[in-house]
Every structure is written in C-alpha cells, then in structure tokens.
Amino acid sequence: MKQVSISLNPEIARAYQQATDEERQKVNYIVNSWLKNIFYRKKDSKQKLFETMDQIGRIAEANGLTPEILNEILNQIEHEKH
C-alpha cells in the first residue's frame, strides 16, 4: 500500500489516532473500498453510492458493529462537540 494524507475534522482525526491497530486496519479497508468505488465507478454515482454504503454496512456488521454500538459512538461524538 502507498500512504497519502487527507484532511479530517479534528474529532474524527482524534478518534482515528486513539483507535487500536485492529480498528485502524478495519477503517483503512473500508476507506480503501469506498475510494475505489468512487474513483473507478462504471455506474451512475447515486447507484454506486448506495452499493458502497451497503458494502460498508456488511463489513461493519461482520466486524461486530451493531446499530446500538454505532448510536453510542455517534452520541459520544455529539457529546464531545458540546
């Protein structure tokens, strides 16, 4: 793999920096899949977006992310904003 830099909002950057190596690997896989679908799409962008979202959802679920855990994460992020 080749490393590149992208800009993230400070909260997301902090969460990524504090993540475990395993969590970072999962995020890297999801981001790579998402970017691949964006840059190499052959279908219309809306259809590809929904396919990518479905793929990310399947990956997240396979790795133990439940709607409850996702809500906890989102609530924590929202709480940290205030």
PDB file of N, CA and C in Angstrom:
ATOM      1  N   MET A   1       0.836  -1.181   0.000  1.00  0.00           N
ATOM      2  CA  MET A   1       0.000   0.000   0.000  1.00  0.00           C
ATOM      3  C   MET A   1       0.877   1.240   0.000  1.00  0.00           C
ATOM      4  N   LYS A   2       0.325   2.293  -0.556  1.00  0.00           N
ATOM      5  CA  LYS A   2       1.004   3.585  -0.552  1.00  0.00           C
ATOM      6  C   LYS A   2       0.249   4.517   0.385  1.00  0.00           C
ATOM      7  N   GLN A   3       0.972   5.271   1.168  1.00  0.00           N
ATOM      8  CA  GLN A   3       0.366   6.170   2.137  1.00  0.00           C
ATOM      9  C   GLN A   3       0.196   7.555   1.541  1.00  0.00           C
ATOM     10  N   VAL A   4      -0.990   8.153   1.758  1.00  0.00           N
ATOM     11  CA  VAL A   4      -1.276   9.525   1.353  1.00  0.00           C
ATOM     12  C   VAL A   4      -1.935  10.230   2.535  1.00  0.00           C
ATOM     13  N   SER A   5      -2.055  11.527   2.454  1.00  0.00           N
ATOM     14  CA  SER A   5      -2.685  12.295   3.529  1.00  0.00           C
ATOM     15  C   SER A   5      -4.015  12.866   3.053  1.00  0.00           C
ATOM     16  N   ILE A   6      -4.999  12.848   3.942  1.00  0.00           N
ATOM     17  CA  ILE A   6      -6.267  13.513   3.670  1.00  0.00           C
ATOM     18  C   ILE A   6      -6.627  14.343   4.898  1.00  0.00           C
ATOM     19  N   SER A   7      -7.415  15.365   4.698  1.00  0.00           N
ATOM     20  CA  SER A   7      -7.834  16.221   5.811  1.00  0.00           C
ATOM     21  C   SER A   7      -9.085  15.632   6.458  1.00  0.00           C
ATOM     22  N   LEU A   8      -9.092  15.621   7.785  1.00  0.00           N
ATOM     23  CA  LEU A   8     -10.231  15.140   8.558  1.00  0.00           C
ATOM     24  C   LEU A   8     -10.624  16.208   9.558  1.00  0.00           C
ATOM     25  N   ASN A   9     -11.888  16.173   9.968  1.00  0.00           N
ATOM     26  CA  ASN A   9     -12.234  17.126  11.022  1.00  0.00           C
ATOM     27  C   ASN A   9     -11.529  16.671  12.295  1.00  0.00           C
ATOM     28  N   PRO A  10     -11.245  17.577  13.215  1.00  0.00           N
ATOM     29  CA  PRO A  10     -10.427  17.258  14.396  1.00  0.00           C
ATOM     30  C   PRO A  10     -10.957  16.097  15.234  1.00  0.00           C
ATOM     31  N   GLU A  11     -12.278  15.983  15.358  1.00  0.00           N
ATOM     32  CA  GLU A  11     -12.841  14.911  16.182  1.00  0.00           C
ATOM     33  C   GLU A  11     -12.590  13.534  15.562  1.00  0.00           C
ATOM     34  N   ILE A  12     -12.753  13.446  14.254  1.00  0.00           N
ATOM     35  CA  ILE A  12     -12.526  12.182  13.568  1.00  0.00           C
ATOM     36  C   ILE A  12     -11.039  11.841  13.595  1.00  0.00           C
ATOM     37  N   ALA A  13     -10.193  12.829  13.385  1.00  0.00           N
ATOM     38  CA  ALA A  13      -8.744  12.599  13.424  1.00  0.00           C
ATOM     39  C   ALA A  13      -8.329  12.086  14.800  1.00  0.00           C
ATOM     40  N   ARG A  14      -8.869  12.668  15.852  1.00  0.00           N
ATOM     41  CA  ARG A  14      -8.533  12.246  17.219  1.00  0.00           C
ATOM     42  C   ARG A  14      -9.019  10.808  17.465  1.00  0.00           C
ATOM     43  N   ALA A  15     -10.231  10.503  17.019  1.00  0.00           N
ATOM     44  CA  ALA A  15     -10.765   9.149  17.204  1.00  0.00           C
ATOM     45  C   ALA A  15      -9.900   8.133  16.472  1.00  0.00           C
ATOM     46  N   TYR A  16      -9.456   8.476  15.262  1.00  0.00           N
ATOM     47  CA  TYR A  16      -8.598   7.564  14.498  1.00  0.00           C
ATOM     48  C   TYR A  16      -7.252   7.374  15.194  1.00  0.00           C
ATOM     49  N   GLN A  17      -6.684   8.463  15.682  1.00  0.00           N
ATOM     50  CA  GLN A  17      -5.393   8.379  16.358  1.00  0.00           C
ATOM     51  C   GLN A  17      -5.470   7.555  17.635  1.00  0.00           C
ATOM     52  N   GLN A  18      -6.613   7.567  18.294  1.00  0.00           N
ATOM     53  CA  GLN A  18      -6.784   6.826  19.544  1.00  0.00           C
ATOM     54  C   GLN A  18      -7.238   5.380  19.318  1.00  0.00           C
ATOM     55  N   ALA A  19      -7.543   5.026  18.079  1.00  0.00           N
ATOM     56  CA  ALA A  19      -8.024   3.680  17.763  1.00  0.00           C
ATOM     57  C   ALA A  19      -6.905   2.659  17.897  1.00  0.00           C
ATOM     58  N   THR A  20      -7.305   1.420  18.114  1.00  0.00           N
ATOM     59  CA  THR A  20      -6.329   0.327  18.161  1.00  0.00           C
ATOM     60  C   THR A  20      -5.849   0.026  16.741  1.00  0.00           C
ATOM     61  N   ASP A  21      -4.778  -0.723  16.639  1.00  0.00           N
ATOM     62  CA  ASP A  21      -4.273  -1.117  15.309  1.00  0.00           C
ATOM     63  C   ASP A  21      -5.340  -1.885  14.531  1.00  0.00           C
ATOM     64  N   GLU A  22      -6.060  -2.760  15.205  1.00  0.00           N
ATOM     65  CA  GLU A  22      -7.110  -3.547  14.546  1.00  0.00           C
ATOM     66  C   GLU A  22      -8.222  -2.631  14.027  1.00  0.00           C
ATOM     67  N   GLU A  23      -8.629  -1.658  14.842  1.00  0.00           N
ATOM     68  CA  GLU A  23      -9.667  -0.713  14.409  1.00  0.00           C
ATOM     69  C   GLU A  23      -9.187   0.101  13.216  1.00  0.00           C
ATOM     70  N   ARG A  24      -7.942   0.519  13.238  1.00  0.00           N
ATOM     71  CA  ARG A  24      -7.385   1.289  12.116  1.00  0.00           C
ATOM     72  C   ARG A  24      -7.351   0.448  10.842  1.00  0.00           C
ATOM     73  N   GLN A  25      -6.999  -0.824  10.962  1.00  0.00           N
ATOM     74  CA  GLN A  25      -6.984  -1.702   9.790  1.00  0.00           C
ATOM     75  C   GLN A  25      -8.379  -1.809   9.182  1.00  0.00           C
ATOM     76  N   LYS A  26      -9.389  -1.927  10.030  1.00  0.00           N
ATOM     77  CA  LYS A  26     -10.769  -2.011   9.551  1.00  0.00           C
ATOM     78  C   LYS A  26     -11.169  -0.717   8.843  1.00  0.00           C
ATOM     79  N   VAL A  27     -10.827   0.411   9.447  1.00  0.00           N
ATOM     80  CA  VAL A  27     -11.135   1.708   8.839  1.00  0.00           C
ATOM     81  C   VAL A  27     -10.415   1.842   7.502  1.00  0.00           C
ATOM     82  N   ASN A  28      -9.143   1.460   7.466  1.00  0.00           N
ATOM     83  CA  ASN A  28      -8.380   1.545   6.216  1.00  0.00           C
ATOM     84  C   ASN A  28      -9.024   0.710   5.115  1.00  0.00           C
ATOM     85  N   TYR A  29      -9.488  -0.480   5.470  1.00  0.00           N
ATOM     86  CA  TYR A  29     -10.124  -1.349   4.485  1.00  0.00           C
ATOM     87  C   TYR A  29     -11.405  -0.699   3.951  1.00  0.00           C
ATOM     88  N   ILE A  30     -12.223  -0.180   4.859  1.00  0.00           N
ATOM     89  CA  ILE A  30     -13.480   0.445   4.458  1.00  0.00           C
ATOM     90  C   ILE A  30     -13.221   1.671   3.585  1.00  0.00           C
ATOM     91  N   VAL A  31     -12.281   2.518   3.997  1.00  0.00           N
ATOM     92  CA  VAL A  31     -11.975   3.731   3.226  1.00  0.00           C
ATOM     93  C   VAL A  31     -11.413   3.368   1.853  1.00  0.00           C
ATOM     94  N   ASN A  32     -10.532   2.378   1.792  1.00  0.00           N
ATOM     95  CA  ASN A  32      -9.997   1.942   0.506  1.00  0.00           C
ATOM     96  C   ASN A  32     -11.105   1.444  -0.410  1.00  0.00           C
ATOM     97  N   SER A  33     -12.029   0.658   0.124  1.00  0.00           N
ATOM     98  CA  SER A  33     -13.143   0.152  -0.678  1.00  0.00           C
ATOM     99  C   SER A  33     -14.015   1.293  -1.174  1.00  0.00           C
ATOM    100  N   TRP A  34     -14.289   2.233  -0.294  1.00  0.00           N
ATOM    101  CA  TRP A  34     -15.137   3.373  -0.647  1.00  0.00           C
ATOM    102  C   TRP A  34     -14.476   4.216  -1.734  1.00  0.00           C
ATOM    103  N   LEU A  35     -13.197   4.528  -1.565  1.00  0.00           N
ATOM    104  CA  LEU A  35     -12.491   5.342  -2.560  1.00  0.00           C
ATOM    105  C   LEU A  35     -12.352   4.612  -3.890  1.00  0.00           C
ATOM    106  N   LYS A  36     -12.120   3.321  -3.838  1.00  0.00           N
ATOM    107  CA  LYS A  36     -12.030   2.542  -5.071  1.00  0.00           C
ATOM    108  C   LYS A  36     -13.340   2.643  -5.841  1.00  0.00           C
ATOM    109  N   ASN A  37     -14.435   2.512  -5.134  1.00  0.00           N
ATOM    110  CA  ASN A  37     -15.735   2.610  -5.788  1.00  0.00           C
ATOM    111  C   ASN A  37     -15.982   4.001  -6.355  1.00  0.00           C
ATOM    112  N   ILE A  38     -15.507   5.020  -5.691  1.00  0.00           N
ATOM    113  CA  ILE A  38     -15.689   6.389  -6.191  1.00  0.00           C
ATOM    114  C   ILE A  38     -14.844   6.631  -7.430  1.00  0.00           C
ATOM    115  N   PHE A  39     -13.574   6.271  -7.367  1.00  0.00           N
ATOM    116  CA  PHE A  39     -12.655   6.598  -8.452  1.00  0.00           C
ATOM    117  C   PHE A  39     -12.766   5.677  -9.661  1.00  0.00           C
ATOM    118  N   TYR A  40     -13.272   4.484  -9.473  1.00  0.00           N
ATOM    119  CA  TYR A  40     -13.348   3.536 -10.574  1.00  0.00           C
ATOM    120  C   TYR A  40     -14.776   3.135 -10.901  1.00  0.00           C
ATOM    121  N   ARG A  41     -15.710   3.998 -10.590  1.00  0.00           N
ATOM    122  CA  ARG A  41     -17.122   3.668 -10.819  1.00  0.00           C
ATOM    123  C   ARG A  41     -17.430   3.596 -12.311  1.00  0.00           C
ATOM    124  N   LYS A  42     -18.265   2.642 -12.636  1.00  0.00           N
ATOM    125  CA  LYS A  42     -18.729   2.499 -14.007  1.00  0.00           C
ATOM    126  C   LYS A  42     -20.240   2.683 -14.067  1.00  0.00           C
ATOM    127  N   LYS A  43     -20.858   2.813 -12.915  1.00  0.00           N
ATOM    128  CA  LYS A  43     -22.299   3.021 -12.836  1.00  0.00           C
ATOM    129  C   LYS A  43     -22.538   4.471 -12.446  1.00  0.00           C
ATOM    130  N   ASP A  44     -23.790   4.882 -12.484  1.00  0.00           N
ATOM    131  CA  ASP A  44     -24.045   6.261 -12.085  1.00  0.00           C
ATOM    132  C   ASP A  44     -23.704   6.436 -10.612  1.00  0.00           C
ATOM    133  N   SER A  45     -23.364   7.641 -10.246  1.00  0.00           N
ATOM    134  CA  SER A  45     -22.822   7.900  -8.916  1.00  0.00           C
ATOM    135  C   SER A  45     -23.806   7.582  -7.794  1.00  0.00           C
ATOM    136  N   LYS A  46     -25.078   7.823  -7.991  1.00  0.00           N
ATOM    137  CA  LYS A  46     -26.054   7.545  -6.939  1.00  0.00           C
ATOM    138  C   LYS A  46     -26.151   6.047  -6.672  1.00  0.00           C
ATOM    139  N   GLN A  47     -26.219   5.249  -7.732  1.00  0.00           N
ATOM    140  CA  GLN A  47     -26.278   3.802  -7.579  1.00  0.00           C
ATOM    141  C   GLN A  47     -25.008   3.292  -6.905  1.00  0.00           C
ATOM    142  N   LYS A  48     -23.867   3.803  -7.309  1.00  0.00           N
ATOM    143  CA  LYS A  48     -22.595   3.367  -6.736  1.00  0.00           C
ATOM    144  C   LYS A  48     -22.510   3.749  -5.258  1.00  0.00           C
ATOM    145  N   LEU A  49     -23.001   4.934  -4.907  1.00  0.00           N
ATOM    146  CA  LEU A  49     -23.006   5.355  -3.507  1.00  0.00           C
ATOM    147  C   LEU A  49     -23.794   4.373  -2.653  1.00  0.00           C
ATOM    148  N   PHE A  50     -24.994   4.003  -3.108  1.00  0.00           N
ATOM    149  CA  PHE A  50     -25.807   3.065  -2.342  1.00  0.00           C
ATOM    150  C   PHE A  50     -25.147   1.690  -2.248  1.00  0.00           C
ATOM    151  N   GLU A  51     -24.502   1.250  -3.313  1.00  0.00           N
ATOM    152  CA  GLU A  51     -23.783  -0.023  -3.274  1.00  0.00           C
ATOM    153  C   GLU A  51     -22.622   0.042  -2.282  1.00  0.00           C
ATOM    154  N   THR A  52     -21.914   1.155  -2.292  1.00  0.00           N
ATOM    155  CA  THR A  52     -20.795   1.329  -1.362  1.00  0.00           C
ATOM    156  C   THR A  52     -21.287   1.358   0.075  1.00  0.00           C
ATOM    157  N   MET A  53     -22.377   2.067   0.321  1.00  0.00           N
ATOM    158  CA  MET A  53     -22.943   2.128   1.667  1.00  0.00           C
ATOM    159  C   MET A  53     -23.372   0.736   2.132  1.00  0.00           C
ATOM    160  N   ASP A  54     -23.984  -0.041   1.241  1.00  0.00           N
ATOM    161  CA  ASP A  54     -24.369  -1.411   1.588  1.00  0.00           C
ATOM    162  C   ASP A  54     -23.145  -2.252   1.918  1.00  0.00           C
ATOM    163  N   GLN A  55     -22.092  -2.109   1.114  1.00  0.00           N
ATOM    164  CA  GLN A  55     -20.863  -2.870   1.340  1.00  0.00           C
ATOM    165  C   GLN A  55     -20.243  -2.494   2.685  1.00  0.00           C
ATOM    166  N   ILE A  56     -20.182  -1.212   2.976  1.00  0.00           N
ATOM    167  CA  ILE A  56     -19.627  -0.762   4.258  1.00  0.00           C
ATOM    168  C   ILE A  56     -20.460  -1.304   5.418  1.00  0.00           C
ATOM    169  N   GLY A  57     -21.772  -1.297   5.263  1.00  0.00           N
ATOM    170  CA  GLY A  57     -22.651  -1.834   6.296  1.00  0.00           C
ATOM    171  C   GLY A  57     -22.408  -3.314   6.547  1.00  0.00           C
ATOM    172  N   ARG A  58     -22.239  -4.085   5.465  1.00  0.00           N
ATOM    173  CA  ARG A  58     -21.966  -5.520   5.616  1.00  0.00           C
ATOM    174  C   ARG A  58     -20.625  -5.756   6.317  1.00  0.00           C
ATOM    175  N   ILE A  59     -19.627  -4.976   5.943  1.00  0.00           N
ATOM    176  CA  ILE A  59     -18.305  -5.116   6.561  1.00  0.00           C
ATOM    177  C   ILE A  59     -18.378  -4.754   8.045  1.00  0.00           C
ATOM    178  N   ALA A  60     -19.044  -3.650   8.342  1.00  0.00           N
ATOM    179  CA  ALA A  60     -19.167  -3.219   9.735  1.00  0.00           C
ATOM    180  C   ALA A  60     -19.897  -4.262  10.562  1.00  0.00           C
ATOM    181  N   GLU A  61     -20.976  -4.794  10.026  1.00  0.00           N
ATOM    182  CA  GLU A  61     -21.741  -5.809  10.747  1.00  0.00           C
ATOM    183  C   GLU A  61     -20.913  -7.079  10.950  1.00  0.00           C
ATOM    184  N   ALA A  62     -20.173  -7.474   9.927  1.00  0.00           N
ATOM    185  CA  ALA A  62     -19.328  -8.667  10.039  1.00  0.00           C
ATOM    186  C   ALA A  62     -18.230  -8.494  11.084  1.00  0.00           C
ATOM    187  N   ASN A  63     -17.865  -7.237  11.345  1.00  0.00           N
ATOM    188  CA  ASN A  63     -16.822  -6.952  12.325  1.00  0.00           C
ATOM    189  C   ASN A  63     -17.391  -6.564  13.686  1.00  0.00           C
ATOM    190  N   GLY A  64     -18.693  -6.807  13.873  1.00  0.00           N
ATOM    191  CA  GLY A  64     -19.291  -6.628  15.187  1.00  0.00           C
ATOM    192  C   GLY A  64     -19.934  -5.281  15.460  1.00  0.00           C
ATOM    193  N   LEU A  65     -20.012  -4.413  14.470  1.00  0.00           N
ATOM    194  CA  LEU A  65     -20.659  -3.118  14.702  1.00  0.00           C
ATOM    195  C   LEU A  65     -22.170  -3.303  14.615  1.00  0.00           C
ATOM    196  N   THR A  66     -22.843  -3.032  15.696  1.00  0.00           N
ATOM    197  CA  THR A  66     -24.302  -3.127  15.738  1.00  0.00           C
ATOM    198  C   THR A  66     -24.884  -1.718  15.703  1.00  0.00           C
ATOM    199  N   PRO A  67     -26.173  -1.592  15.390  1.00  0.00           N
ATOM    200  CA  PRO A  67     -26.796  -0.260  15.433  1.00  0.00           C
ATOM    201  C   PRO A  67     -26.649   0.398  16.808  1.00  0.00           C
ATOM    202  N   GLU A  68     -26.703  -0.408  17.854  1.00  0.00           N
ATOM    203  CA  GLU A  68     -26.563   0.136  19.209  1.00  0.00           C
ATOM    204  C   GLU A  68     -25.168   0.716  19.432  1.00  0.00           C
ATOM    205  N   ILE A  69     -24.138  -0.003  19.002  1.00  0.00           N
ATOM    206  CA  ILE A  69     -22.764   0.484  19.155  1.00  0.00           C
ATOM    207  C   ILE A  69     -22.565   1.744  18.332  1.00  0.00           C
ATOM    208  N   LEU A  70     -23.089   1.751  17.112  1.00  0.00           N
ATOM    209  CA  LEU A  70     -22.978   2.939  16.267  1.00  0.00           C
ATOM    210  C   LEU A  70     -23.650   4.138  16.926  1.00  0.00           C
ATOM    211  N   ASN A  71     -24.828   3.940  17.500  1.00  0.00           N
ATOM    212  CA  ASN A  71     -25.507   5.036  18.200  1.00  0.00           C
ATOM    213  C   ASN A  71     -24.685   5.542  19.371  1.00  0.00           C
ATOM    214  N   GLU A  72     -24.052   4.632  20.102  1.00  0.00           N
ATOM    215  CA  GLU A  72     -23.197   5.039  21.220  1.00  0.00           C
ATOM    216  C   GLU A  72     -22.040   5.904  20.724  1.00  0.00           C
ATOM    217  N   ILE A  73     -21.416   5.486  19.630  1.00  0.00           N
ATOM    218  CA  ILE A  73     -20.302   6.250  19.063  1.00  0.00           C
ATOM    219  C   ILE A  73     -20.769   7.627  18.628  1.00  0.00           C
ATOM    220  N   LEU A  74     -21.894   7.675  17.917  1.00  0.00           N
ATOM    221  CA  LEU A  74     -22.414   8.960  17.437  1.00  0.00           C
ATOM    222  C   LEU A  74     -22.820   9.865  18.596  1.00  0.00           C
ATOM    223  N   ASN A  75     -23.418   9.289  19.630  1.00  0.00           N
ATOM    224  CA  ASN A  75     -23.786  10.083  20.818  1.00  0.00           C
ATOM    225  C   ASN A  75     -22.543  10.611  21.514  1.00  0.00           C
ATOM    226  N   GLN A  76     -21.487   9.811  21.572  1.00  0.00           N
ATOM    227  CA  GLN A  76     -20.245  10.254  22.205  1.00  0.00           C
ATOM    228  C   GLN A  76     -19.649  11.411  21.411  1.00  0.00           C
ATOM    229  N   ILE A  77     -19.628  11.302  20.104  1.00  0.00           N
ATOM    230  CA  ILE A  77     -19.097  12.377  19.254  1.00  0.00           C
ATOM    231  C   ILE A  77     -19.937  13.644  19.449  1.00  0.00           C
ATOM    232  N   GLU A  78     -21.248  13.487  19.463  1.00  0.00           N
ATOM    233  CA  GLU A  78     -22.123  14.646  19.637  1.00  0.00           C
ATOM    234  C   GLU A  78     -21.904  15.279  21.007  1.00  0.00           C
ATOM    235  N   HIS A  79     -21.725  14.443  22.031  1.00  0.00           N
ATOM    236  CA  HIS A  79     -21.481  14.938  23.389  1.00  0.00           C
ATOM    237  C   HIS A  79     -20.156  15.696  23.463  1.00  0.00           C
ATOM    238  N   GLU A  80     -19.134  15.219  22.762  1.00  0.00           N
ATOM    239  CA  GLU A  80     -17.829  15.872  22.766  1.00  0.00           C
ATOM    240  C   GLU A  80     -17.853  17.228  22.054  1.00  0.00           C
ATOM    241  N   LYS A  81     -18.801  17.407  21.154  1.00  0.00           N
ATOM    242  CA  LYS A  81     -18.926  18.694  20.447  1.00  0.00           C
ATOM    243  C   LYS A  81     -19.354  19.807  21.397  1.00  0.00           C
ATOM    244  N   HIS A  82     -20.135  19.415  22.414  1.00  0.00           N
ATOM    245  CA  HIS A  82     -20.706  20.444  23.298  1.00  0.00           C
ATOM    246  C   HIS A  82     -19.874  20.594  24.510  1.00  0.00           C
TER     247      HIS A  82
END
